[in-house]
Amino acid sequence: MRRILPAIGLFLLSPLVAEYLLGDLPLTALYALVMLAPMYGGAALLVREVCRRFGWGWPSILTLALAYSVVESSRSLATGGTSRGSAGSASRSPRSSARLVRLSTSPGHASRAASPPHRRSCS
């Protein structure tokens, strides 16, 4: 029991840090933890176990976590919020494709924020 509690804590805390702490989801959407825990928690446990089994240190943990974040971000951007994969990105409306994804320049974290589409005035 002493070994399983830290794993459960990592499994449940990783989506809280990834989505709620950075402000991507409000605390009223805590029910999303059910869907986010396997995605973030599973990856965190996998990174931890691989590094622990091979005797790797913190640089390896950070490198594998960065690799996971790149893969996860590219998958979520490729699907465009649809379940059709990369083919769904071609069927987006011009209004939604006009949104720009910008990365925060704050040191220590990179968050995505969609800017509103630019509209031209008819005057």
N, C-alpha and C. Protein backbone atom coordinates (compact mmCIF):
# COMPACT_ATOMS: atom_id res chain seq x y z
N MET A 1 0.83 -1.19 0.00
CA MET A 1 0.00 0.00 0.00
C MET A 1 0.87 1.25 0.00
N ARG A 2 2.06 1.14 0.60
CA ARG A 2 2.95 2.29 0.68
C ARG A 2 3.46 2.70 -0.70
N ARG A 3 3.57 1.75 -1.63
CA ARG A 3 4.08 2.04 -2.96
C ARG A 3 2.99 2.48 -3.92
N ILE A 4 1.76 2.11 -3.68
CA ILE A 4 0.69 2.42 -4.62
C ILE A 4 0.14 3.84 -4.42
N LEU A 5 0.19 4.36 -3.20
CA LEU A 5 -0.36 5.69 -2.95
C LEU A 5 0.37 6.80 -3.72
N PRO A 6 1.71 6.81 -3.80
CA PRO A 6 2.36 7.84 -4.63
C PRO A 6 2.00 7.72 -6.11
N ALA A 7 1.80 6.49 -6.60
CA ALA A 7 1.42 6.31 -8.01
C ALA A 7 0.01 6.85 -8.26
N ILE A 8 -0.89 6.59 -7.34
CA ILE A 8 -2.26 7.13 -7.48
C ILE A 8 -2.24 8.65 -7.40
N GLY A 9 -1.43 9.18 -6.49
CA GLY A 9 -1.30 10.64 -6.39
C GLY A 9 -0.76 11.25 -7.67
N LEU A 10 0.26 10.64 -8.27
CA LEU A 10 0.80 11.13 -9.54
C LEU A 10 -0.23 11.03 -10.65
N PHE A 11 -0.97 9.94 -10.66
CA PHE A 11 -2.00 9.73 -11.68
C PHE A 11 -3.10 10.79 -11.61
N LEU A 12 -3.48 11.20 -10.42
CA LEU A 12 -4.56 12.17 -10.26
C LEU A 12 -4.08 13.62 -10.26
N LEU A 13 -2.86 13.87 -9.82
CA LEU A 13 -2.37 15.25 -9.77
C LEU A 13 -1.86 15.76 -11.10
N SER A 14 -1.39 14.88 -11.98
CA SER A 14 -0.85 15.34 -13.25
C SER A 14 -1.87 16.06 -14.12
N PRO A 15 -3.12 15.60 -14.26
CA PRO A 15 -4.07 16.40 -15.04
C PRO A 15 -4.47 17.70 -14.33
N LEU A 16 -4.45 17.69 -13.00
CA LEU A 16 -4.76 18.93 -12.28
C LEU A 16 -3.73 20.00 -12.58
N VAL A 17 -2.47 19.62 -12.58
CA VAL A 17 -1.41 20.59 -12.88
C VAL A 17 -1.47 20.99 -14.34
N ALA A 18 -1.66 20.03 -15.24
CA ALA A 18 -1.62 20.31 -16.67
C ALA A 18 -2.78 21.17 -17.14
N GLU A 19 -3.96 20.97 -16.65
CA GLU A 19 -5.12 21.67 -17.18
C GLU A 19 -5.68 22.73 -16.23
N TYR A 20 -5.81 22.41 -14.97
CA TYR A 20 -6.49 23.32 -14.04
C TYR A 20 -5.55 24.39 -13.49
N LEU A 21 -4.34 24.01 -13.14
CA LEU A 21 -3.41 24.97 -12.55
C LEU A 21 -2.98 26.03 -13.54
N LEU A 22 -2.83 25.64 -14.80
CA LEU A 22 -2.44 26.60 -15.83
C LEU A 22 -3.62 27.42 -16.34
N GLY A 23 -4.83 27.10 -15.91
CA GLY A 23 -6.00 27.90 -16.26
C GLY A 23 -6.68 27.50 -17.54
N ASP A 24 -6.37 26.33 -18.09
CA ASP A 24 -7.04 25.90 -19.31
C ASP A 24 -8.48 25.49 -19.06
N LEU A 25 -8.75 24.94 -17.89
CA LEU A 25 -10.10 24.55 -17.51
C LEU A 25 -10.43 25.14 -16.15
N PRO A 26 -11.68 25.58 -15.96
CA PRO A 26 -12.06 26.09 -14.63
C PRO A 26 -12.29 24.94 -13.65
N LEU A 27 -12.26 25.25 -12.39
CA LEU A 27 -12.48 24.22 -11.36
C LEU A 27 -13.90 23.66 -11.39
N THR A 28 -14.82 24.40 -12.01
CA THR A 28 -16.18 23.88 -12.12
C THR A 28 -16.24 22.70 -13.10
N ALA A 29 -15.22 22.52 -13.91
CA ALA A 29 -15.17 21.41 -14.85
C ALA A 29 -14.32 20.28 -14.30
N LEU A 30 -14.40 20.06 -13.01
CA LEU A 30 -13.61 19.02 -12.35
C LEU A 30 -13.99 17.62 -12.82
N TYR A 31 -15.18 17.47 -13.39
CA TYR A 31 -15.62 16.19 -13.91
C TYR A 31 -14.75 15.74 -15.09
N ALA A 32 -14.07 16.66 -15.75
CA ALA A 32 -13.20 16.31 -16.87
C ALA A 32 -11.97 15.53 -16.41
N LEU A 33 -11.74 15.51 -15.10
CA LEU A 33 -10.62 14.75 -14.56
C LEU A 33 -10.74 13.26 -14.90
N VAL A 34 -11.96 12.78 -15.06
CA VAL A 34 -12.19 11.38 -15.40
C VAL A 34 -11.59 11.06 -16.77
N MET A 35 -11.71 11.99 -17.72
CA MET A 35 -11.16 11.76 -19.06
C MET A 35 -9.70 12.16 -19.16
N LEU A 36 -9.28 13.14 -18.38
CA LEU A 36 -7.91 13.63 -18.49
C LEU A 36 -6.91 12.80 -17.69
N ALA A 37 -7.36 12.14 -16.64
CA ALA A 37 -6.44 11.36 -15.80
C ALA A 37 -5.76 10.23 -16.56
N PRO A 38 -6.46 9.47 -17.38
CA PRO A 38 -5.73 8.43 -18.13
C PRO A 38 -4.71 9.01 -19.12
N MET A 39 -5.04 10.13 -19.73
CA MET A 39 -4.14 10.72 -20.71
C MET A 39 -2.88 11.27 -20.04
N TYR A 40 -3.04 12.15 -19.07
CA TYR A 40 -1.89 12.75 -18.41
C TYR A 40 -1.29 11.83 -17.35
N GLY A 41 -2.13 11.20 -16.57
CA GLY A 41 -1.65 10.33 -15.50
C GLY A 41 -0.95 9.09 -16.03
N GLY A 42 -1.49 8.52 -17.10
CA GLY A 42 -0.84 7.37 -17.70
C GLY A 42 0.54 7.71 -18.24
N ALA A 43 0.65 8.86 -18.88
CA ALA A 43 1.96 9.28 -19.40
C ALA A 43 2.94 9.57 -18.26
N ALA A 44 2.46 10.21 -17.21
CA ALA A 44 3.34 10.51 -16.08
C ALA A 44 3.84 9.23 -15.41
N LEU A 45 2.95 8.26 -15.26
CA LEU A 45 3.36 6.97 -14.68
C LEU A 45 4.34 6.23 -15.60
N LEU A 46 4.10 6.29 -16.90
CA LEU A 46 5.00 5.63 -17.84
C LEU A 46 6.40 6.26 -17.80
N VAL A 47 6.46 7.58 -17.81
CA VAL A 47 7.75 8.28 -17.74
C VAL A 47 8.45 7.94 -16.43
N ARG A 48 7.72 7.94 -15.34
CA ARG A 48 8.32 7.64 -14.03
C ARG A 48 8.86 6.22 -13.99
N GLU A 49 8.08 5.26 -14.46
CA GLU A 49 8.50 3.87 -14.40
C GLU A 49 9.68 3.58 -15.32
N VAL A 50 9.69 4.15 -16.51
CA VAL A 50 10.81 3.93 -17.43
C VAL A 50 12.09 4.47 -16.82
N CYS A 51 12.03 5.68 -16.30
CA CYS A 51 13.23 6.29 -15.71
C CYS A 51 13.66 5.55 -14.44
N ARG A 52 12.72 5.07 -13.70
CA ARG A 52 13.06 4.34 -12.46
C ARG A 52 13.68 2.98 -12.77
N ARG A 53 13.12 2.27 -13.74
CA ARG A 53 13.63 0.93 -14.07
C ARG A 53 15.03 0.97 -14.67
N PHE A 54 15.31 2.00 -15.50
CA PHE A 54 16.62 2.10 -16.13
C PHE A 54 17.62 2.88 -15.30
N GLY A 55 17.18 3.44 -14.18
CA GLY A 55 18.08 4.18 -13.32
C GLY A 55 18.44 5.56 -13.84
N TRP A 56 17.59 6.11 -14.69
CA TRP A 56 17.84 7.43 -15.24
C TRP A 56 17.45 8.49 -14.23
N GLY A 57 17.99 9.69 -14.37
CA GLY A 57 17.74 10.77 -13.43
C GLY A 57 16.75 11.79 -13.94
N TRP A 58 16.77 12.96 -13.29
CA TRP A 58 15.85 14.04 -13.62
C TRP A 58 15.96 14.55 -15.05
N PRO A 59 17.16 14.66 -15.62
CA PRO A 59 17.21 15.11 -17.02
C PRO A 59 16.43 14.19 -17.97
N SER A 60 16.48 12.91 -17.71
CA SER A 60 15.72 11.97 -18.55
C SER A 60 14.22 12.11 -18.32
N ILE A 61 13.81 12.35 -17.09
CA ILE A 61 12.40 12.55 -16.80
C ILE A 61 11.89 13.79 -17.53
N LEU A 62 12.65 14.86 -17.46
CA LEU A 62 12.25 16.10 -18.14
C LEU A 62 12.24 15.93 -19.65
N THR A 63 13.21 15.20 -20.19
CA THR A 63 13.26 14.97 -21.64
C THR A 63 12.07 14.14 -22.10
N LEU A 64 11.75 13.08 -21.40
CA LEU A 64 10.60 12.25 -21.78
C LEU A 64 9.29 13.00 -21.60
N ALA A 65 9.19 13.82 -20.57
CA ALA A 65 7.98 14.62 -20.37
C ALA A 65 7.81 15.65 -21.49
N LEU A 66 8.91 16.26 -21.92
CA LEU A 66 8.86 17.20 -23.03
C LEU A 66 8.46 16.50 -24.32
N ALA A 67 9.02 15.31 -24.55
CA ALA A 67 8.66 14.54 -25.74
C ALA A 67 7.17 14.20 -25.73
N TYR A 68 6.65 13.80 -24.59
CA TYR A 68 5.22 13.51 -24.50
C TYR A 68 4.39 14.75 -24.78
N SER A 69 4.79 15.89 -24.24
CA SER A 69 4.00 17.10 -24.45
C SER A 69 3.98 17.51 -25.91
N VAL A 70 5.09 17.32 -26.62
CA VAL A 70 5.12 17.64 -28.05
C VAL A 70 4.19 16.70 -28.83
N VAL A 71 4.26 15.41 -28.54
CA VAL A 71 3.40 14.45 -29.23
C VAL A 71 1.93 14.71 -28.92
N GLU A 72 1.61 14.95 -27.67
CA GLU A 72 0.22 15.20 -27.28
C GLU A 72 -0.31 16.48 -27.89
N SER A 73 0.50 17.51 -27.94
CA SER A 73 0.06 18.77 -28.53
C SER A 73 -0.13 18.64 -30.03
N SER A 74 0.76 17.93 -30.68
CA SER A 74 0.61 17.77 -32.13
C SER A 74 -0.60 16.92 -32.47
N ARG A 75 -0.89 15.93 -31.64
CA ARG A 75 -2.10 15.13 -31.86
C ARG A 75 -3.36 15.96 -31.68
N SER A 76 -3.40 16.78 -30.63
CA SER A 76 -4.61 17.57 -30.39
C SER A 76 -4.77 18.66 -31.42
N LEU A 77 -3.68 19.23 -31.92
CA LEU A 77 -3.78 20.24 -32.97
C LEU A 77 -4.13 19.63 -34.31
N ALA A 78 -3.67 18.41 -34.57
CA ALA A 78 -3.95 17.76 -35.84
C ALA A 78 -5.41 17.36 -35.95
N THR A 79 -6.03 16.99 -34.84
CA THR A 79 -7.43 16.59 -34.90
C THR A 79 -8.36 17.78 -34.95
N GLY A 80 -7.91 18.92 -34.48
CA GLY A 80 -8.76 20.11 -34.53
C GLY A 80 -10.00 20.01 -33.67
N GLY A 81 -9.96 19.16 -32.67
CA GLY A 81 -11.10 19.02 -31.78
C GLY A 81 -12.15 18.06 -32.31
N THR A 82 -11.88 17.42 -33.44
CA THR A 82 -12.82 16.45 -33.98
C THR A 82 -12.28 15.06 -33.76
N SER A 83 -13.09 14.07 -33.99
CA SER A 83 -12.63 12.70 -33.82
C SER A 83 -12.22 12.07 -35.15
N ARG A 84 -12.08 12.89 -36.20
CA ARG A 84 -11.76 12.36 -37.52
C ARG A 84 -10.27 12.34 -37.83
N GLY A 85 -9.43 12.70 -36.90
CA GLY A 85 -8.00 12.71 -37.15
C GLY A 85 -7.57 13.90 -37.96
N SER A 86 -6.50 13.78 -38.71
CA SER A 86 -5.98 14.91 -39.46
C SER A 86 -6.87 15.27 -40.64
N ALA A 87 -7.73 14.37 -41.07
CA ALA A 87 -8.65 14.69 -42.16
C ALA A 87 -9.68 15.71 -41.72
N GLY A 88 -9.98 15.75 -40.43
CA GLY A 88 -10.96 16.70 -39.93
C GLY A 88 -10.47 18.13 -39.98
N SER A 89 -9.16 18.35 -40.05
CA SER A 89 -8.64 19.71 -40.07
C SER A 89 -8.94 20.39 -41.40
N ALA A 90 -9.13 19.62 -42.46
CA ALA A 90 -9.41 20.22 -43.76
C ALA A 90 -10.85 20.71 -43.84
N SER A 91 -11.74 20.19 -43.02
CA SER A 91 -13.14 20.56 -43.09
C SER A 91 -13.52 21.66 -42.11
N ARG A 92 -12.53 22.30 -41.51
CA ARG A 92 -12.84 23.38 -40.58
C ARG A 92 -13.33 24.60 -41.33
N SER A 93 -14.13 25.40 -40.67
CA SER A 93 -14.62 26.61 -41.29
C SER A 93 -13.51 27.65 -41.35
N PRO A 94 -13.61 28.62 -42.28
CA PRO A 94 -12.57 29.65 -42.35
C PRO A 94 -12.47 30.45 -41.06
N ARG A 95 -13.60 30.60 -40.36
CA ARG A 95 -13.57 31.38 -39.13
C ARG A 95 -12.72 30.68 -38.07
N SER A 96 -12.88 29.36 -37.94
CA SER A 96 -12.11 28.66 -36.93
C SER A 96 -10.65 28.51 -37.34
N SER A 97 -10.37 28.44 -38.64
CA SER A 97 -8.98 28.31 -39.06
C SER A 97 -8.25 29.64 -39.00
N ALA A 98 -8.99 30.74 -38.84
CA ALA A 98 -8.35 32.05 -38.75
C ALA A 98 -7.81 32.32 -37.36
N ARG A 99 -8.18 31.48 -36.40
CA ARG A 99 -7.66 31.66 -35.05
C ARG A 99 -6.17 31.31 -35.02
N LEU A 100 -5.44 32.09 -34.33
CA LEU A 100 -4.01 31.86 -34.24
C LEU A 100 -3.68 31.23 -32.91
N VAL A 101 -2.78 30.30 -32.93
CA VAL A 101 -2.31 29.68 -31.69
C VAL A 101 -1.01 30.35 -31.34
N ARG A 102 -0.97 30.96 -30.17
CA ARG A 102 0.25 31.63 -29.76
C ARG A 102 0.77 30.96 -28.50
N LEU A 103 2.06 30.93 -28.38
CA LEU A 103 2.68 30.35 -27.20
C LEU A 103 3.02 31.45 -26.23
N SER A 104 2.80 31.20 -24.99
CA SER A 104 3.12 32.17 -23.96
C SER A 104 4.63 32.32 -23.86
N THR A 105 5.08 33.53 -23.63
CA THR A 105 6.51 33.77 -23.52
C THR A 105 6.96 33.73 -22.07
N SER A 106 6.09 33.35 -21.17
CA SER A 106 6.47 33.25 -19.77
C SER A 106 7.44 32.10 -19.60
N PRO A 107 8.53 32.32 -18.88
CA PRO A 107 9.46 31.22 -18.67
C PRO A 107 8.84 30.16 -17.77
N GLY A 108 9.05 28.93 -18.12
CA GLY A 108 8.59 27.85 -17.26
C GLY A 108 7.31 27.18 -17.71
N HIS A 109 6.53 27.82 -18.55
CA HIS A 109 5.36 27.12 -19.05
C HIS A 109 4.97 27.64 -20.42
N ALA A 110 4.39 26.78 -21.20
CA ALA A 110 3.91 27.15 -22.52
C ALA A 110 2.44 26.81 -22.59
N SER A 111 1.61 27.79 -22.68
CA SER A 111 0.18 27.53 -22.77
C SER A 111 -0.34 28.02 -24.10
N ARG A 112 -1.38 27.37 -24.56
CA ARG A 112 -1.97 27.75 -25.83
C ARG A 112 -3.17 28.62 -25.55
N ALA A 113 -3.29 29.65 -26.34
CA ALA A 113 -4.47 30.51 -26.24
C ALA A 113 -4.91 30.87 -27.64
N ALA A 114 -6.19 30.74 -27.92
CA ALA A 114 -6.69 31.06 -29.25
C ALA A 114 -7.09 32.53 -29.28
N SER A 115 -6.56 33.23 -30.25
CA SER A 115 -6.92 34.63 -30.38
C SER A 115 -8.19 34.72 -31.23
N PRO A 116 -9.00 35.74 -31.01
CA PRO A 116 -10.22 35.85 -31.79
C PRO A 116 -9.90 36.13 -33.24
N PRO A 117 -10.77 35.72 -34.17
CA PRO A 117 -10.51 35.97 -35.58
C PRO A 117 -10.56 37.47 -35.87
N HIS A 118 -9.72 37.90 -36.79
CA HIS A 118 -9.70 39.31 -37.16
C HIS A 118 -10.82 39.58 -38.15
N ARG A 119 -11.53 40.66 -37.93
CA ARG A 119 -12.64 41.02 -38.82
C ARG A 119 -12.33 42.34 -39.48
N ARG A 120 -12.66 42.42 -40.73
CA ARG A 120 -12.45 43.66 -41.48
C ARG A 120 -13.72 44.48 -41.46
N SER A 121 -13.55 45.73 -41.31
CA SER A 121 -14.73 46.60 -41.36
C SER A 121 -15.06 46.91 -42.81
N CYS A 122 -16.30 47.19 -43.08
CA CYS A 122 -16.76 47.45 -44.45
C CYS A 122 -16.77 48.93 -44.77
N SER A 123 -16.11 49.75 -43.98
CA SER A 123 -16.17 51.20 -44.24
C SER A 123 -15.08 51.66 -45.18
